[in-house]
Amino acid sequence: MTQLPKALLLVVFFAVIAGVAGFFYAPWEDISWQRLLLTVASFGCLGVLLGGIYAFDAESDLHIRVSAIGRMTTGSTASLLLGLIWHWPVEFILLGSFIGAVLGYLGMSWAKYVDF
């Protein structure tokens, strides 16, 4: 059970790093604070998904605990948060959570191709 907090700390670390990357990728020509926060939070949700995959997948070099349930949970949580941030309809939030769970389950088979 002591590995779970370390894995969740890695997920939070990835979310923060992705949020910082979102800050630098934001369109700076005509941006409001609300738009900037939405961009940073959206990138943070992507970081939660990737952090969950890297923390819970056996193929990852950073894995702390191997758990398909952990990957699926972080994937669906990331999609749920993204839907709530952007005020999606309930059907889209549920569909997004399902897609996030599938992406979490597939894990490193697709995440190794993501590059900032």
N, C-alpha and C. Protein backbone atom coordinates (compact mmCIF):
# COMPACT_ATOMS: atom_id res chain seq x y z
N MET A 1 0.82 -1.20 0.00
CA MET A 1 0.00 0.00 0.00
C MET A 1 0.86 1.26 0.00
N THR A 2 2.13 1.14 0.35
CA THR A 2 2.99 2.32 0.39
C THR A 2 3.36 2.80 -1.01
N GLN A 3 3.15 1.97 -2.02
CA GLN A 3 3.48 2.37 -3.39
C GLN A 3 2.43 3.29 -3.99
N LEU A 4 1.20 3.21 -3.53
CA LEU A 4 0.12 4.01 -4.09
C LEU A 4 0.36 5.52 -3.93
N PRO A 5 0.77 6.02 -2.76
CA PRO A 5 1.04 7.46 -2.68
C PRO A 5 2.18 7.90 -3.60
N LYS A 6 3.19 7.06 -3.78
CA LYS A 6 4.28 7.40 -4.70
C LYS A 6 3.77 7.48 -6.14
N ALA A 7 2.89 6.55 -6.51
CA ALA A 7 2.33 6.56 -7.85
C ALA A 7 1.46 7.79 -8.06
N LEU A 8 0.66 8.14 -7.08
CA LEU A 8 -0.19 9.33 -7.20
C LEU A 8 0.64 10.61 -7.22
N LEU A 9 1.76 10.61 -6.50
CA LEU A 9 2.67 11.75 -6.56
C LEU A 9 3.26 11.90 -7.95
N LEU A 10 3.57 10.78 -8.61
CA LEU A 10 4.06 10.83 -9.98
C LEU A 10 2.99 11.36 -10.93
N VAL A 11 1.74 10.98 -10.70
CA VAL A 11 0.63 11.49 -11.52
C VAL A 11 0.50 13.00 -11.35
N VAL A 12 0.58 13.48 -10.13
CA VAL A 12 0.49 14.93 -9.88
C VAL A 12 1.68 15.64 -10.51
N PHE A 13 2.86 15.05 -10.43
CA PHE A 13 4.04 15.64 -11.04
C PHE A 13 3.86 15.79 -12.55
N PHE A 14 3.35 14.76 -13.20
CA PHE A 14 3.10 14.84 -14.64
C PHE A 14 2.05 15.90 -14.95
N ALA A 15 1.02 16.02 -14.11
CA ALA A 15 -0.02 17.02 -14.34
C ALA A 15 0.55 18.43 -14.24
N VAL A 16 1.43 18.65 -13.27
CA VAL A 16 2.04 19.98 -13.11
C VAL A 16 2.95 20.29 -14.29
N ILE A 17 3.76 19.32 -14.69
CA ILE A 17 4.67 19.54 -15.83
C ILE A 17 3.86 19.81 -17.10
N ALA A 18 2.81 19.07 -17.33
CA ALA A 18 1.98 19.29 -18.51
C ALA A 18 1.26 20.64 -18.43
N GLY A 19 0.84 21.05 -17.23
CA GLY A 19 0.22 22.37 -17.06
C GLY A 19 1.18 23.49 -17.38
N VAL A 20 2.44 23.34 -16.96
CA VAL A 20 3.46 24.34 -17.29
C VAL A 20 3.69 24.37 -18.80
N ALA A 21 3.72 23.20 -19.43
CA ALA A 21 3.86 23.15 -20.89
C ALA A 21 2.67 23.84 -21.56
N GLY A 22 1.48 23.65 -21.01
CA GLY A 22 0.30 24.32 -21.55
C GLY A 22 0.39 25.82 -21.43
N PHE A 23 1.02 26.30 -20.35
CA PHE A 23 1.22 27.73 -20.19
C PHE A 23 2.07 28.29 -21.33
N PHE A 24 3.09 27.56 -21.73
CA PHE A 24 3.97 28.04 -22.79
C PHE A 24 3.41 27.81 -24.19
N TYR A 25 2.47 26.86 -24.33
CA TYR A 25 1.84 26.62 -25.62
C TYR A 25 0.59 27.47 -25.84
N ALA A 26 0.20 28.24 -24.86
CA ALA A 26 -1.02 29.05 -24.97
C ALA A 26 -0.87 30.09 -26.07
N PRO A 27 -1.94 30.37 -26.81
CA PRO A 27 -1.87 31.41 -27.85
C PRO A 27 -1.84 32.79 -27.20
N TRP A 28 -0.73 33.48 -27.30
CA TRP A 28 -0.53 34.73 -26.58
C TRP A 28 -0.98 35.96 -27.34
N GLU A 29 -1.46 35.83 -28.58
CA GLU A 29 -1.86 37.01 -29.34
C GLU A 29 -3.04 37.72 -28.69
N ASP A 30 -4.11 36.98 -28.48
CA ASP A 30 -5.33 37.55 -27.93
C ASP A 30 -5.89 36.55 -26.93
N ILE A 31 -5.43 36.66 -25.69
CA ILE A 31 -5.83 35.65 -24.71
C ILE A 31 -6.31 36.34 -23.44
N SER A 32 -7.33 35.78 -22.85
CA SER A 32 -7.83 36.26 -21.56
C SER A 32 -7.32 35.31 -20.48
N TRP A 33 -7.48 35.72 -19.24
CA TRP A 33 -7.05 34.86 -18.13
C TRP A 33 -7.86 33.57 -18.11
N GLN A 34 -9.14 33.67 -18.45
CA GLN A 34 -9.98 32.48 -18.46
C GLN A 34 -9.48 31.49 -19.50
N ARG A 35 -9.16 31.98 -20.67
CA ARG A 35 -8.66 31.11 -21.75
C ARG A 35 -7.32 30.49 -21.37
N LEU A 36 -6.46 31.27 -20.72
CA LEU A 36 -5.17 30.76 -20.28
C LEU A 36 -5.35 29.65 -19.24
N LEU A 37 -6.24 29.86 -18.28
CA LEU A 37 -6.48 28.84 -17.26
C LEU A 37 -7.09 27.57 -17.86
N LEU A 38 -7.98 27.73 -18.84
CA LEU A 38 -8.54 26.56 -19.52
C LEU A 38 -7.46 25.77 -20.25
N THR A 39 -6.54 26.48 -20.89
CA THR A 39 -5.46 25.81 -21.60
C THR A 39 -4.55 25.07 -20.64
N VAL A 40 -4.16 25.72 -19.55
CA VAL A 40 -3.28 25.08 -18.57
C VAL A 40 -3.98 23.88 -17.92
N ALA A 41 -5.25 24.02 -17.58
CA ALA A 41 -5.98 22.91 -16.97
C ALA A 41 -6.17 21.75 -17.94
N SER A 42 -6.39 22.05 -19.21
CA SER A 42 -6.54 20.98 -20.21
C SER A 42 -5.25 20.20 -20.37
N PHE A 43 -4.14 20.91 -20.43
CA PHE A 43 -2.85 20.21 -20.50
C PHE A 43 -2.60 19.42 -19.22
N GLY A 44 -3.04 19.96 -18.08
CA GLY A 44 -2.90 19.23 -16.82
C GLY A 44 -3.68 17.93 -16.83
N CYS A 45 -4.85 17.93 -17.46
CA CYS A 45 -5.63 16.69 -17.58
C CYS A 45 -4.89 15.67 -18.44
N LEU A 46 -4.26 16.13 -19.50
CA LEU A 46 -3.43 15.23 -20.30
C LEU A 46 -2.28 14.69 -19.46
N GLY A 47 -1.72 15.52 -18.60
CA GLY A 47 -0.65 15.07 -17.71
C GLY A 47 -1.13 14.02 -16.72
N VAL A 48 -2.35 14.15 -16.23
CA VAL A 48 -2.92 13.13 -15.34
C VAL A 48 -3.02 11.79 -16.07
N LEU A 49 -3.49 11.82 -17.30
CA LEU A 49 -3.60 10.60 -18.10
C LEU A 49 -2.23 9.97 -18.32
N LEU A 50 -1.28 10.76 -18.78
CA LEU A 50 0.06 10.22 -19.05
C LEU A 50 0.77 9.80 -17.76
N GLY A 51 0.60 10.57 -16.70
CA GLY A 51 1.21 10.20 -15.42
C GLY A 51 0.66 8.90 -14.88
N GLY A 52 -0.64 8.69 -15.04
CA GLY A 52 -1.24 7.43 -14.61
C GLY A 52 -0.70 6.25 -15.40
N ILE A 53 -0.49 6.47 -16.69
CA ILE A 53 0.05 5.40 -17.52
C ILE A 53 1.49 5.10 -17.12
N TYR A 54 2.29 6.14 -16.96
CA TYR A 54 3.69 5.92 -16.60
C TYR A 54 3.84 5.36 -15.19
N ALA A 55 2.93 5.67 -14.29
CA ALA A 55 3.03 5.19 -12.91
C ALA A 55 2.53 3.76 -12.75
N PHE A 56 1.60 3.32 -13.59
CA PHE A 56 0.95 2.03 -13.37
C PHE A 56 1.17 1.01 -14.48
N ASP A 57 2.00 1.28 -15.48
CA ASP A 57 2.20 0.34 -16.58
C ASP A 57 3.53 -0.38 -16.44
N ALA A 58 3.52 -1.67 -16.68
CA ALA A 58 4.73 -2.49 -16.53
C ALA A 58 5.77 -2.16 -17.59
N GLU A 59 5.35 -1.69 -18.75
CA GLU A 59 6.29 -1.38 -19.83
C GLU A 59 7.00 -0.05 -19.61
N SER A 60 6.55 0.74 -18.66
CA SER A 60 7.14 2.04 -18.40
C SER A 60 8.42 1.90 -17.58
N ASP A 61 9.39 2.76 -17.85
CA ASP A 61 10.61 2.77 -17.05
C ASP A 61 10.37 3.39 -15.67
N LEU A 62 9.33 4.19 -15.55
CA LEU A 62 9.04 4.89 -14.29
C LEU A 62 8.00 4.17 -13.43
N HIS A 63 7.53 3.00 -13.83
CA HIS A 63 6.40 2.39 -13.14
C HIS A 63 6.72 2.16 -11.66
N ILE A 64 5.73 2.42 -10.85
CA ILE A 64 5.85 2.24 -9.41
C ILE A 64 5.03 1.03 -8.99
N ARG A 65 3.89 0.88 -9.60
CA ARG A 65 3.00 -0.23 -9.29
C ARG A 65 2.31 -0.62 -10.58
N VAL A 66 2.22 -1.89 -10.86
CA VAL A 66 1.57 -2.37 -12.08
C VAL A 66 0.10 -2.62 -11.77
N SER A 67 -0.77 -1.85 -12.45
CA SER A 67 -2.20 -1.95 -12.19
C SER A 67 -2.99 -1.42 -13.37
N ALA A 68 -3.74 -2.30 -14.01
CA ALA A 68 -4.62 -1.85 -15.09
C ALA A 68 -5.76 -1.00 -14.53
N ILE A 69 -6.22 -1.32 -13.35
CA ILE A 69 -7.29 -0.54 -12.72
C ILE A 69 -6.79 0.87 -12.43
N GLY A 70 -5.55 1.03 -12.00
CA GLY A 70 -4.98 2.35 -11.75
C GLY A 70 -4.91 3.18 -13.01
N ARG A 71 -4.49 2.55 -14.12
CA ARG A 71 -4.42 3.26 -15.39
C ARG A 71 -5.81 3.66 -15.86
N MET A 72 -6.76 2.76 -15.75
CA MET A 72 -8.12 3.07 -16.19
C MET A 72 -8.75 4.15 -15.32
N THR A 73 -8.48 4.11 -14.03
CA THR A 73 -9.04 5.11 -13.12
C THR A 73 -8.48 6.50 -13.40
N THR A 74 -7.17 6.58 -13.58
CA THR A 74 -6.60 7.90 -13.87
C THR A 74 -7.02 8.39 -15.25
N GLY A 75 -7.17 7.49 -16.22
CA GLY A 75 -7.63 7.88 -17.54
C GLY A 75 -9.04 8.42 -17.53
N SER A 76 -9.93 7.73 -16.83
CA SER A 76 -11.31 8.21 -16.77
C SER A 76 -11.42 9.47 -15.92
N THR A 77 -10.61 9.59 -14.88
CA THR A 77 -10.61 10.81 -14.06
C THR A 77 -10.13 12.01 -14.86
N ALA A 78 -9.08 11.81 -15.65
CA ALA A 78 -8.57 12.90 -16.48
C ALA A 78 -9.63 13.37 -17.47
N SER A 79 -10.30 12.43 -18.10
CA SER A 79 -11.35 12.80 -19.06
C SER A 79 -12.55 13.43 -18.37
N LEU A 80 -12.89 12.94 -17.20
CA LEU A 80 -13.98 13.53 -16.43
C LEU A 80 -13.66 14.98 -16.06
N LEU A 81 -12.45 15.22 -15.59
CA LEU A 81 -12.05 16.58 -15.24
C LEU A 81 -12.04 17.49 -16.47
N LEU A 82 -11.58 16.97 -17.60
CA LEU A 82 -11.57 17.76 -18.83
C LEU A 82 -12.99 18.14 -19.24
N GLY A 83 -13.91 17.19 -19.14
CA GLY A 83 -15.30 17.48 -19.48
C GLY A 83 -15.93 18.49 -18.54
N LEU A 84 -15.59 18.41 -17.26
CA LEU A 84 -16.14 19.37 -16.30
C LEU A 84 -15.54 20.76 -16.50
N ILE A 85 -14.27 20.83 -16.86
CA ILE A 85 -13.62 22.12 -17.09
C ILE A 85 -14.25 22.83 -18.29
N TRP A 86 -14.51 22.08 -19.34
CA TRP A 86 -15.04 22.68 -20.58
C TRP A 86 -16.56 22.68 -20.62
N HIS A 87 -17.24 22.25 -19.55
CA HIS A 87 -18.70 22.26 -19.46
C HIS A 87 -19.36 21.46 -20.58
N TRP A 88 -18.86 20.26 -20.80
CA TRP A 88 -19.45 19.38 -21.80
C TRP A 88 -20.81 18.87 -21.31
N PRO A 89 -21.69 18.46 -22.23
CA PRO A 89 -22.93 17.79 -21.80
C PRO A 89 -22.60 16.45 -21.13
N VAL A 90 -23.54 15.98 -20.35
CA VAL A 90 -23.32 14.77 -19.56
C VAL A 90 -22.96 13.58 -20.45
N GLU A 91 -23.60 13.47 -21.61
CA GLU A 91 -23.31 12.34 -22.51
C GLU A 91 -21.86 12.37 -22.97
N PHE A 92 -21.35 13.56 -23.28
CA PHE A 92 -19.97 13.68 -23.73
C PHE A 92 -18.99 13.41 -22.60
N ILE A 93 -19.36 13.80 -21.38
CA ILE A 93 -18.49 13.52 -20.23
C ILE A 93 -18.39 12.02 -20.01
N LEU A 94 -19.52 11.32 -20.11
CA LEU A 94 -19.50 9.87 -19.94
C LEU A 94 -18.73 9.18 -21.05
N LEU A 95 -18.93 9.65 -22.27
CA LEU A 95 -18.18 9.09 -23.40
C LEU A 95 -16.69 9.37 -23.26
N GLY A 96 -16.35 10.58 -22.85
CA GLY A 96 -14.95 10.92 -22.63
C GLY A 96 -14.32 10.09 -21.54
N SER A 97 -15.06 9.82 -20.47
CA SER A 97 -14.54 8.98 -19.39
C SER A 97 -14.31 7.55 -19.87
N PHE A 98 -15.19 7.06 -20.72
CA PHE A 98 -15.00 5.73 -21.30
C PHE A 98 -13.75 5.70 -22.18
N ILE A 99 -13.60 6.72 -23.01
CA ILE A 99 -12.43 6.79 -23.89
C ILE A 99 -11.15 6.91 -23.06
N GLY A 100 -11.19 7.71 -22.00
CA GLY A 100 -10.04 7.83 -21.11
C GLY A 100 -9.69 6.52 -20.44
N ALA A 101 -10.71 5.74 -20.04
CA ALA A 101 -10.46 4.44 -19.44
C ALA A 101 -9.84 3.48 -20.45
N VAL A 102 -10.30 3.53 -21.69
CA VAL A 102 -9.73 2.67 -22.74
C VAL A 102 -8.28 3.07 -23.01
N LEU A 103 -8.02 4.37 -23.11
CA LEU A 103 -6.64 4.82 -23.32
C LEU A 103 -5.75 4.44 -22.15
N GLY A 104 -6.28 4.53 -20.94
CA GLY A 104 -5.52 4.10 -19.77
C GLY A 104 -5.24 2.62 -19.80
N TYR A 105 -6.22 1.84 -20.21
CA TYR A 105 -6.03 0.39 -20.28
C TYR A 105 -4.97 0.02 -21.31
N LEU A 106 -5.00 0.69 -22.46
CA LEU A 106 -4.01 0.40 -23.50
C LEU A 106 -2.62 0.83 -23.09
N GLY A 107 -2.52 1.83 -22.27
CA GLY A 107 -1.27 2.21 -21.64
C GLY A 107 -0.16 2.61 -22.58
N MET A 108 0.98 2.00 -22.39
CA MET A 108 2.19 2.39 -23.13
C MET A 108 2.13 2.05 -24.61
N SER A 109 1.18 1.25 -25.03
CA SER A 109 1.10 0.92 -26.45
C SER A 109 0.81 2.15 -27.30
N TRP A 110 0.21 3.19 -26.75
CA TRP A 110 0.01 4.43 -27.48
C TRP A 110 0.78 5.60 -26.84
N ALA A 111 1.00 5.56 -25.53
CA ALA A 111 1.59 6.69 -24.84
C ALA A 111 3.06 6.91 -25.20
N LYS A 112 3.72 5.88 -25.68
CA LYS A 112 5.14 6.04 -26.04
C LYS A 112 5.32 6.94 -27.26
N TYR A 113 4.25 7.20 -27.99
CA TYR A 113 4.32 8.06 -29.16
C TYR A 113 4.00 9.52 -28.86
N VAL A 114 3.60 9.86 -27.63
CA VAL A 114 3.28 11.23 -27.26
C VAL A 114 4.58 11.96 -26.95
N ASP A 115 4.75 13.12 -27.58
CA ASP A 115 5.97 13.88 -27.38
C ASP A 115 5.62 15.35 -27.32
N PHE A 116 6.06 16.02 -26.28
CA PHE A 116 5.87 17.46 -26.17
C PHE A 116 6.96 18.11 -26.94
